């Protein structure tokens, strides 16, 4: 698997998990399912352990960092922020 494919699937799964964290209701589970499907595609293409471990670690890191970045940008620009993120 190429480097671009690795980073593309990692970023896609990370963004989908970040949207899952930021949304509410039943609609959020669609993003979780999308991240699972991206993960399945990655695991089908990559058979070695090391890239699989890095994929999981980076997706979890992105899922934690991207919502924080969004809330910081939203606060700085005056966008709507769900009150539960500012407590």
PDB file of N, CA and C in Angstrom:
ATOM      1  N   UNK A   1       0.844  -1.172   0.000  1.00  0.00           N
ATOM      2  CA  UNK A   1       0.000   0.000   0.000  1.00  0.00           C
ATOM      3  C   UNK A   1       0.890   1.237   0.000  1.00  0.00           C
ATOM      4  N   UNK A   2       0.502   2.206  -0.768  1.00  0.00           N
ATOM      5  CA  UNK A   2       1.287   3.422  -0.874  1.00  0.00           C
ATOM      6  C   UNK A   2       1.094   4.351   0.313  1.00  0.00           C
ATOM      7  N   UNK A   3       2.015   5.278   0.402  1.00  0.00           N
ATOM      8  CA  UNK A   3       1.978   6.253   1.489  1.00  0.00           C
ATOM      9  C   UNK A   3       0.725   7.124   1.430  1.00  0.00           C
ATOM     10  N   UNK A   4       0.326   7.520   0.214  1.00  0.00           N
ATOM     11  CA  UNK A   4      -0.856   8.369   0.065  1.00  0.00           C
ATOM     12  C   UNK A   4      -2.127   7.641   0.493  1.00  0.00           C
ATOM     13  N   UNK A   5      -2.198   6.369   0.177  1.00  0.00           N
ATOM     14  CA  UNK A   5      -3.366   5.585   0.567  1.00  0.00           C
ATOM     15  C   UNK A   5      -3.435   5.455   2.090  1.00  0.00           C
ATOM     16  N   UNK A   6      -2.291   5.216   2.717  1.00  0.00           N
ATOM     17  CA  UNK A   6      -2.242   5.102   4.183  1.00  0.00           C
ATOM     18  C   UNK A   6      -2.739   6.379   4.835  1.00  0.00           C
ATOM     19  N   UNK A   7      -2.159   7.515   4.414  1.00  0.00           N
ATOM     20  CA  UNK A   7      -2.550   8.776   5.040  1.00  0.00           C
ATOM     21  C   UNK A   7      -3.974   9.186   4.675  1.00  0.00           C
ATOM     22  N   UNK A   8      -4.414   8.875   3.479  1.00  0.00           N
ATOM     23  CA  UNK A   8      -5.786   9.200   3.088  1.00  0.00           C
ATOM     24  C   UNK A   8      -6.819   8.439   3.903  1.00  0.00           C
ATOM     25  N   UNK A   9      -6.607   7.131   4.062  1.00  0.00           N
ATOM     26  CA  UNK A   9      -7.550   6.343   4.858  1.00  0.00           C
ATOM     27  C   UNK A   9      -7.480   6.710   6.339  1.00  0.00           C
ATOM     28  N   UNK A  10      -6.285   7.009   6.832  1.00  0.00           N
ATOM     29  CA  UNK A  10      -6.141   7.420   8.229  1.00  0.00           C
ATOM     30  C   UNK A  10      -6.858   8.741   8.473  1.00  0.00           C
ATOM     31  N   UNK A  11      -6.656   9.694   7.591  1.00  0.00           N
ATOM     32  CA  UNK A  11      -7.308  10.994   7.742  1.00  0.00           C
ATOM     33  C   UNK A  11      -8.824  10.865   7.609  1.00  0.00           C
ATOM     34  N   UNK A  12      -9.295  10.059   6.675  1.00  0.00           N
ATOM     35  CA  UNK A  12     -10.732   9.865   6.499  1.00  0.00           C
ATOM     36  C   UNK A  12     -11.356   9.263   7.760  1.00  0.00           C
ATOM     37  N   UNK A  13     -10.739   8.233   8.306  1.00  0.00           N
ATOM     38  CA  UNK A  13     -11.269   7.609   9.513  1.00  0.00           C
ATOM     39  C   UNK A  13     -11.199   8.564  10.700  1.00  0.00           C
ATOM     40  N   UNK A  14     -10.119   9.332  10.798  1.00  0.00           N
ATOM     41  CA  UNK A  14      -9.988  10.293  11.888  1.00  0.00           C
ATOM     42  C   UNK A  14     -11.033  11.392  11.826  1.00  0.00           C
ATOM     43  N   UNK A  15     -11.290  11.895  10.636  1.00  0.00           N
ATOM     44  CA  UNK A  15     -12.316  12.933  10.477  1.00  0.00           C
ATOM     45  C   UNK A  15     -13.694  12.375  10.780  1.00  0.00           C
ATOM     46  N   UNK A  16     -13.988  11.178  10.309  1.00  0.00           N
ATOM     47  CA  UNK A  16     -15.291  10.578  10.597  1.00  0.00           C
ATOM     48  C   UNK A  16     -15.482  10.353  12.092  1.00  0.00           C
ATOM     49  N   UNK A  17     -14.437   9.918  12.790  1.00  0.00           N
ATOM     50  CA  UNK A  17     -14.547   9.734  14.233  1.00  0.00           C
ATOM     51  C   UNK A  17     -14.678  11.072  14.957  1.00  0.00           C
ATOM     52  N   UNK A  18     -14.037  12.116  14.447  1.00  0.00           N
ATOM     53  CA  UNK A  18     -14.164  13.446  15.038  1.00  0.00           C
ATOM     54  C   UNK A  18     -15.583  13.974  14.882  1.00  0.00           C
ATOM     55  N   UNK A  19     -16.163  13.769  13.714  1.00  0.00           N
ATOM     56  CA  UNK A  19     -17.554  14.192  13.505  1.00  0.00           C
ATOM     57  C   UNK A  19     -18.484  13.391  14.409  1.00  0.00           C
ATOM     58  N   UNK A  20     -18.172  12.122  14.614  1.00  0.00           N
ATOM     59  CA  UNK A  20     -18.950  11.299  15.544  1.00  0.00           C
ATOM     60  C   UNK A  20     -18.928  11.899  16.942  1.00  0.00           C
ATOM     61  N   UNK A  21     -17.777  12.379  17.361  1.00  0.00           N
ATOM     62  CA  UNK A  21     -17.658  12.962  18.691  1.00  0.00           C
ATOM     63  C   UNK A  21     -18.424  14.282  18.786  1.00  0.00           C
ATOM     64  N   UNK A  22     -18.439  15.063  17.719  1.00  0.00           N
ATOM     65  CA  UNK A  22     -19.026  16.402  17.762  1.00  0.00           C
ATOM     66  C   UNK A  22     -20.531  16.444  17.530  1.00  0.00           C
ATOM     67  N   UNK A  23     -21.127  15.409  16.974  1.00  0.00           N
ATOM     68  CA  UNK A  23     -22.554  15.435  16.679  1.00  0.00           C
ATOM     69  C   UNK A  23     -23.343  14.705  17.757  1.00  0.00           C
ATOM     70  N   UNK A  24     -24.643  14.912  17.737  1.00  0.00           N
ATOM     71  CA  UNK A  24     -25.525  14.266  18.706  1.00  0.00           C
ATOM     72  C   UNK A  24     -26.641  13.531  17.978  1.00  0.00           C
ATOM     73  N   UNK A  25     -27.355  12.706  18.710  1.00  0.00           N
ATOM     74  CA  UNK A  25     -28.491  11.990  18.149  1.00  0.00           C
ATOM     75  C   UNK A  25     -28.087  10.737  17.394  1.00  0.00           C
ATOM     76  N   UNK A  26     -29.052  10.157  16.729  1.00  0.00           N
ATOM     77  CA  UNK A  26     -28.823   8.922  15.994  1.00  0.00           C
ATOM     78  C   UNK A  26     -27.974   9.152  14.740  1.00  0.00           C
ATOM     79  N   UNK A  27     -27.951  10.390  14.244  1.00  0.00           N
ATOM     80  CA  UNK A  27     -27.205  10.716  13.028  1.00  0.00           C
ATOM     81  C   UNK A  27     -25.717  10.469  13.206  1.00  0.00           C
ATOM     82  N   UNK A  28     -25.214  10.569  14.427  1.00  0.00           N
ATOM     83  CA  UNK A  28     -23.781  10.416  14.685  1.00  0.00           C
ATOM     84  C   UNK A  28     -23.290   9.000  14.402  1.00  0.00           C
ATOM     85  N   UNK A  29     -24.158   8.026  14.505  1.00  0.00           N
ATOM     86  CA  UNK A  29     -23.753   6.642  14.304  1.00  0.00           C
ATOM     87  C   UNK A  29     -23.432   6.338  12.843  1.00  0.00           C
ATOM     88  N   UNK A  30     -23.937   7.157  11.937  1.00  0.00           N
ATOM     89  CA  UNK A  30     -23.587   7.012  10.520  1.00  0.00           C
ATOM     90  C   UNK A  30     -22.096   7.284  10.335  1.00  0.00           C
ATOM     91  N   UNK A  31     -21.572   8.291  11.034  1.00  0.00           N
ATOM     92  CA  UNK A  31     -20.149   8.609  10.940  1.00  0.00           C
ATOM     93  C   UNK A  31     -19.294   7.509  11.565  1.00  0.00           C
ATOM     94  N   UNK A  32     -19.773   6.927  12.646  1.00  0.00           N
ATOM     95  CA  UNK A  32     -19.053   5.815  13.260  1.00  0.00           C
ATOM     96  C   UNK A  32     -19.006   4.623  12.315  1.00  0.00           C
ATOM     97  N   UNK A  33     -20.109   4.329  11.680  1.00  0.00           N
ATOM     98  CA  UNK A  33     -20.149   3.236  10.715  1.00  0.00           C
ATOM     99  C   UNK A  33     -19.216   3.509   9.540  1.00  0.00           C
ATOM    100  N   UNK A  34     -19.171   4.758   9.096  1.00  0.00           N
ATOM    101  CA  UNK A  34     -18.251   5.124   8.023  1.00  0.00           C
ATOM    102  C   UNK A  34     -16.804   4.902   8.416  1.00  0.00           C
ATOM    103  N   UNK A  35     -16.457   5.250   9.657  1.00  0.00           N
ATOM    104  CA  UNK A  35     -15.087   5.035  10.127  1.00  0.00           C
ATOM    105  C   UNK A  35     -14.763   3.543  10.205  1.00  0.00           C
ATOM    106  N   UNK A  36     -15.731   2.745  10.614  1.00  0.00           N
ATOM    107  CA  UNK A  36     -15.523   1.297  10.668  1.00  0.00           C
ATOM    108  C   UNK A  36     -15.304   0.747   9.263  1.00  0.00           C
ATOM    109  N   UNK A  37     -16.075   1.216   8.302  1.00  0.00           N
ATOM    110  CA  UNK A  37     -15.910   0.751   6.924  1.00  0.00           C
ATOM    111  C   UNK A  37     -14.562   1.158   6.345  1.00  0.00           C
ATOM    112  N   UNK A  38     -14.107   2.369   6.665  1.00  0.00           N
ATOM    113  CA  UNK A  38     -12.779   2.792   6.224  1.00  0.00           C
ATOM    114  C   UNK A  38     -11.714   1.905   6.861  1.00  0.00           C
ATOM    115  N   UNK A  39     -11.881   1.589   8.144  1.00  0.00           N
ATOM    116  CA  UNK A  39     -10.940   0.701   8.828  1.00  0.00           C
ATOM    117  C   UNK A  39     -10.917  -0.687   8.219  1.00  0.00           C
ATOM    118  N   UNK A  40     -12.078  -1.194   7.844  1.00  0.00           N
ATOM    119  CA  UNK A  40     -12.139  -2.513   7.206  1.00  0.00           C
ATOM    120  C   UNK A  40     -11.396  -2.483   5.871  1.00  0.00           C
ATOM    121  N   UNK A  41     -11.587  -1.411   5.104  1.00  0.00           N
ATOM    122  CA  UNK A  41     -10.870  -1.293   3.827  1.00  0.00           C
ATOM    123  C   UNK A  41      -9.369  -1.265   4.052  1.00  0.00           C
ATOM    124  N   UNK A  42      -8.937  -0.531   5.084  1.00  0.00           N
ATOM    125  CA  UNK A  42      -7.505  -0.471   5.355  1.00  0.00           C
ATOM    126  C   UNK A  42      -6.962  -1.840   5.747  1.00  0.00           C
ATOM    127  N   UNK A  43      -7.663  -2.531   6.636  1.00  0.00           N
ATOM    128  CA  UNK A  43      -7.177  -3.824   7.108  1.00  0.00           C
ATOM    129  C   UNK A  43      -7.202  -4.880   6.000  1.00  0.00           C
ATOM    130  N   UNK A  44      -8.077  -4.743   5.013  1.00  0.00           N
ATOM    131  CA  UNK A  44      -8.068  -5.656   3.871  1.00  0.00           C
ATOM    132  C   UNK A  44      -6.852  -5.421   2.987  1.00  0.00           C
ATOM    133  N   UNK A  45      -6.448  -4.169   2.854  1.00  0.00           N
ATOM    134  CA  UNK A  45      -5.334  -3.840   1.964  1.00  0.00           C
ATOM    135  C   UNK A  45      -3.976  -4.063   2.615  1.00  0.00           C
ATOM    136  N   UNK A  46      -3.906  -3.923   3.927  1.00  0.00           N
ATOM    137  CA  UNK A  46      -2.627  -4.011   4.624  1.00  0.00           C
ATOM    138  C   UNK A  46      -2.598  -5.259   5.491  1.00  0.00           C
ATOM    139  N   UNK A  47      -1.590  -6.093   5.303  1.00  0.00           N
ATOM    140  CA  UNK A  47      -1.515  -7.358   6.023  1.00  0.00           C
ATOM    141  C   UNK A  47      -0.472  -7.367   7.128  1.00  0.00           C
ATOM    142  N   UNK A  48       0.422  -6.385   7.158  1.00  0.00           N
ATOM    143  CA  UNK A  48       1.455  -6.348   8.179  1.00  0.00           C
ATOM    144  C   UNK A  48       0.923  -5.714   9.461  1.00  0.00           C
ATOM    145  N   UNK A  49       1.531  -6.072  10.586  1.00  0.00           N
ATOM    146  CA  UNK A  49       1.074  -5.574  11.884  1.00  0.00           C
ATOM    147  C   UNK A  49       1.416  -4.111  12.114  1.00  0.00           C
ATOM    148  N   UNK A  50       2.618  -3.713  11.758  1.00  0.00           N
ATOM    149  CA  UNK A  50       3.087  -2.364  12.072  1.00  0.00           C
ATOM    150  C   UNK A  50       2.192  -1.271  11.480  1.00  0.00           C
ATOM    151  N   UNK A  51       1.849  -1.304  10.192  1.00  0.00           N
ATOM    152  CA  UNK A  51       0.954  -0.270   9.654  1.00  0.00           C
ATOM    153  C   UNK A  51      -0.441  -0.313  10.282  1.00  0.00           C
ATOM    154  N   UNK A  52      -0.905  -1.487  10.646  1.00  0.00           N
ATOM    155  CA  UNK A  52      -2.217  -1.587  11.289  1.00  0.00           C
ATOM    156  C   UNK A  52      -2.214  -0.906  12.656  1.00  0.00           C
ATOM    157  N   UNK A  53      -1.140  -1.128  13.398  1.00  0.00           N
ATOM    158  CA  UNK A  53      -1.036  -0.486  14.713  1.00  0.00           C
ATOM    159  C   UNK A  53      -0.958   1.025  14.557  1.00  0.00           C
ATOM    160  N   UNK A  54      -0.142   1.491  13.615  1.00  0.00           N
ATOM    161  CA  UNK A  54      -0.036   2.928  13.385  1.00  0.00           C
ATOM    162  C   UNK A  54      -1.366   3.528  12.938  1.00  0.00           C
ATOM    163  N   UNK A  55      -2.110   2.793  12.131  1.00  0.00           N
ATOM    164  CA  UNK A  55      -3.421   3.271  11.690  1.00  0.00           C
ATOM    165  C   UNK A  55      -4.331   3.512  12.891  1.00  0.00           C
ATOM    166  N   UNK A  56      -4.429   2.540  13.769  1.00  0.00           N
ATOM    167  CA  UNK A  56      -5.306   2.659  14.933  1.00  0.00           C
ATOM    168  C   UNK A  56      -4.849   3.794  15.841  1.00  0.00           C
ATOM    169  N   UNK A  57      -3.544   3.880  16.092  1.00  0.00           N
ATOM    170  CA  UNK A  57      -3.019   4.930  16.973  1.00  0.00           C
ATOM    171  C   UNK A  57      -3.285   6.317  16.383  1.00  0.00           C
ATOM    172  N   UNK A  58      -3.031   6.485  15.102  1.00  0.00           N
ATOM    173  CA  UNK A  58      -3.235   7.791  14.478  1.00  0.00           C
ATOM    174  C   UNK A  58      -4.709   8.174  14.382  1.00  0.00           C
ATOM    175  N   UNK A  59      -5.580   7.205  14.129  1.00  0.00           N
ATOM    176  CA  UNK A  59      -7.016   7.508  14.082  1.00  0.00           C
ATOM    177  C   UNK A  59      -7.503   7.952  15.462  1.00  0.00           C
ATOM    178  N   UNK A  60      -7.068   7.267  16.503  1.00  0.00           N
ATOM    179  CA  UNK A  60      -7.460   7.670  17.859  1.00  0.00           C
ATOM    180  C   UNK A  60      -6.907   9.049  18.205  1.00  0.00           C
ATOM    181  N   UNK A  61      -5.679   9.318  17.811  1.00  0.00           N
ATOM    182  CA  UNK A  61      -5.086  10.630  18.061  1.00  0.00           C
ATOM    183  C   UNK A  61      -5.851  11.726  17.325  1.00  0.00           C
ATOM    184  N   UNK A  62      -6.167  11.487  16.068  1.00  0.00           N
ATOM    185  CA  UNK A  62      -6.944  12.471  15.296  1.00  0.00           C
ATOM    186  C   UNK A  62      -8.340  12.662  15.878  1.00  0.00           C
ATOM    187  N   UNK A  63      -8.943  11.574  16.351  1.00  0.00           N
ATOM    188  CA  UNK A  63     -10.280  11.666  16.922  1.00  0.00           C
ATOM    189  C   UNK A  63     -10.281  12.487  18.215  1.00  0.00           C
ATOM    190  N   UNK A  64      -9.158  12.580  18.878  1.00  0.00           N
ATOM    191  CA  UNK A  64      -9.056  13.389  20.088  1.00  0.00           C
ATOM    192  C   UNK A  64      -8.623  14.828  19.798  1.00  0.00           C
ATOM    193  N   UNK A  65      -7.778  15.018  18.806  1.00  0.00           N
ATOM    194  CA  UNK A  65      -7.210  16.336  18.541  1.00  0.00           C
ATOM    195  C   UNK A  65      -8.123  17.201  17.665  1.00  0.00           C
ATOM    196  N   UNK A  66      -8.722  16.624  16.631  1.00  0.00           N
ATOM    197  CA  UNK A  66      -9.526  17.424  15.701  1.00  0.00           C
ATOM    198  C   UNK A  66     -10.738  18.095  16.349  1.00  0.00           C
ATOM    199  N   UNK A  67     -11.476  17.443  17.258  1.00  0.00           N
ATOM    200  CA  UNK A  67     -12.564  18.175  17.919  1.00  0.00           C
ATOM    201  C   UNK A  67     -12.077  19.354  18.759  1.00  0.00           C
ATOM    202  N   UNK A  68     -10.933  19.213  19.389  1.00  0.00           N
ATOM    203  CA  UNK A  68     -10.367  20.315  20.170  1.00  0.00           C
ATOM    204  C   UNK A  68     -10.012  21.478  19.250  1.00  0.00           C
ATOM    205  N   UNK A  69      -9.403  21.170  18.111  1.00  0.00           N
ATOM    206  CA  UNK A  69      -9.081  22.220  17.148  1.00  0.00           C
ATOM    207  C   UNK A  69     -10.339  22.906  16.626  1.00  0.00           C
ATOM    208  N   UNK A  70     -11.387  22.135  16.369  1.00  0.00           N
ATOM    209  CA  UNK A  70     -12.641  22.721  15.889  1.00  0.00           C
ATOM    210  C   UNK A  70     -13.238  23.664  16.933  1.00  0.00           C
ATOM    211  N   UNK A  71     -13.259  23.234  18.181  1.00  0.00           N
ATOM    212  CA  UNK A  71     -13.838  24.081  19.234  1.00  0.00           C
ATOM    213  C   UNK A  71     -13.010  25.350  19.406  1.00  0.00           C
ATOM    214  N   UNK A  72     -11.698  25.253  19.309  1.00  0.00           N
ATOM    215  CA  UNK A  72     -10.855  26.448  19.406  1.00  0.00           C
ATOM    216  C   UNK A  72     -11.129  27.407  18.248  1.00  0.00           C
ATOM    217  N   UNK A  73     -11.227  26.866  17.031  1.00  0.00           N
ATOM    218  CA  UNK A  73     -11.545  27.715  15.883  1.00  0.00           C
ATOM    219  C   UNK A  73     -12.936  28.327  15.998  1.00  0.00           C
ATOM    220  N   UNK A  74     -13.886  27.548  16.438  1.00  0.00           N
ATOM    221  CA  UNK A  74     -15.254  28.049  16.579  1.00  0.00           C
ATOM    222  C   UNK A  74     -15.323  29.153  17.623  1.00  0.00           C
ATOM    223  N   UNK A  75     -14.620  28.976  18.721  1.00  0.00           N
ATOM    224  CA  UNK A  75     -14.619  29.987  19.776  1.00  0.00           C
ATOM    225  C   UNK A  75     -13.954  31.275  19.289  1.00  0.00           C
ATOM    226  N   UNK A  76     -12.859  31.144  18.557  1.00  0.00           N
ATOM    227  CA  UNK A  76     -12.130  32.315  18.074  1.00  0.00           C
ATOM    228  C   UNK A  76     -12.908  33.071  17.001  1.00  0.00           C
ATOM    229  N   UNK A  77     -13.688  32.365  16.182  1.00  0.00           N
ATOM    230  CA  UNK A  77     -14.407  33.000  15.080  1.00  0.00           C
ATOM    231  C   UNK A  77     -15.869  33.292  15.382  1.00  0.00           C
ATOM    232  N   UNK A  78     -16.329  32.950  16.559  1.00  0.00           N
ATOM    233  CA  UNK A  78     -17.708  33.240  16.924  1.00  0.00           C
ATOM    234  C   UNK A  78     -18.722  32.289  16.319  1.00  0.00           C
ATOM    235  N   UNK A  79     -18.304  31.103  15.904  1.00  0.00           N
ATOM    236  CA  UNK A  79     -19.237  30.122  15.379  1.00  0.00           C
ATOM    237  C   UNK A  79     -20.024  29.518  16.522  1.00  0.00           C
ATOM    238  N   UNK A  80     -21.121  28.846  16.193  1.00  0.00           N
ATOM    239  CA  UNK A  80     -21.920  28.175  17.218  1.00  0.00           C
ATOM    240  C   UNK A  80     -21.132  27.010  17.809  1.00  0.00           C
ATOM    241  N   UNK A  81     -21.144  26.949  19.137  1.00  0.00           N
ATOM    242  CA  UNK A  81     -20.526  25.851  19.854  1.00  0.00           C
ATOM    243  C   UNK A  81     -21.574  25.271  20.801  1.00  0.00           C
ATOM    244  N   UNK A  82     -21.734  23.976  20.768  1.00  0.00           N
ATOM    245  CA  UNK A  82     -22.621  23.320  21.716  1.00  0.00           C
ATOM    246  C   UNK A  82     -22.115  23.615  23.124  1.00  0.00           C
ATOM    247  N   UNK A  83     -22.982  24.070  24.020  1.00  0.00           N
ATOM    248  CA  UNK A  83     -22.524  24.473  25.369  1.00  0.00           C
ATOM    249  C   UNK A  83     -21.792  23.390  26.142  1.00  0.00           C
ATOM    250  N   UNK A  84     -22.023  22.133  25.831  1.00  0.00           N
ATOM    251  CA  UNK A  84     -21.355  21.087  26.588  1.00  0.00           C
ATOM    252  C   UNK A  84     -19.859  21.015  26.291  1.00  0.00           C
ATOM    253  N   UNK A  85     -19.391  21.632  25.194  1.00  0.00           N
ATOM    254  CA  UNK A  85     -17.972  21.625  24.869  1.00  0.00           C
ATOM    255  C   UNK A  85     -17.209  22.752  25.548  1.00  0.00           C
ATOM    256  N   UNK A  86     -17.909  23.738  26.081  1.00  0.00           N
ATOM    257  CA  UNK A  86     -17.233  24.878  26.708  1.00  0.00           C
ATOM    258  C   UNK A  86     -17.247  24.790  28.231  1.00  0.00           C
ATOM    259  N   UNK A  87     -17.796  23.738  28.780  1.00  0.00           N
ATOM    260  CA  UNK A  87     -17.854  23.612  30.250  1.00  0.00           C
ATOM    261  C   UNK A  87     -16.572  23.066  30.796  1.00  0.00           C
TER     262      UNK A  87
END
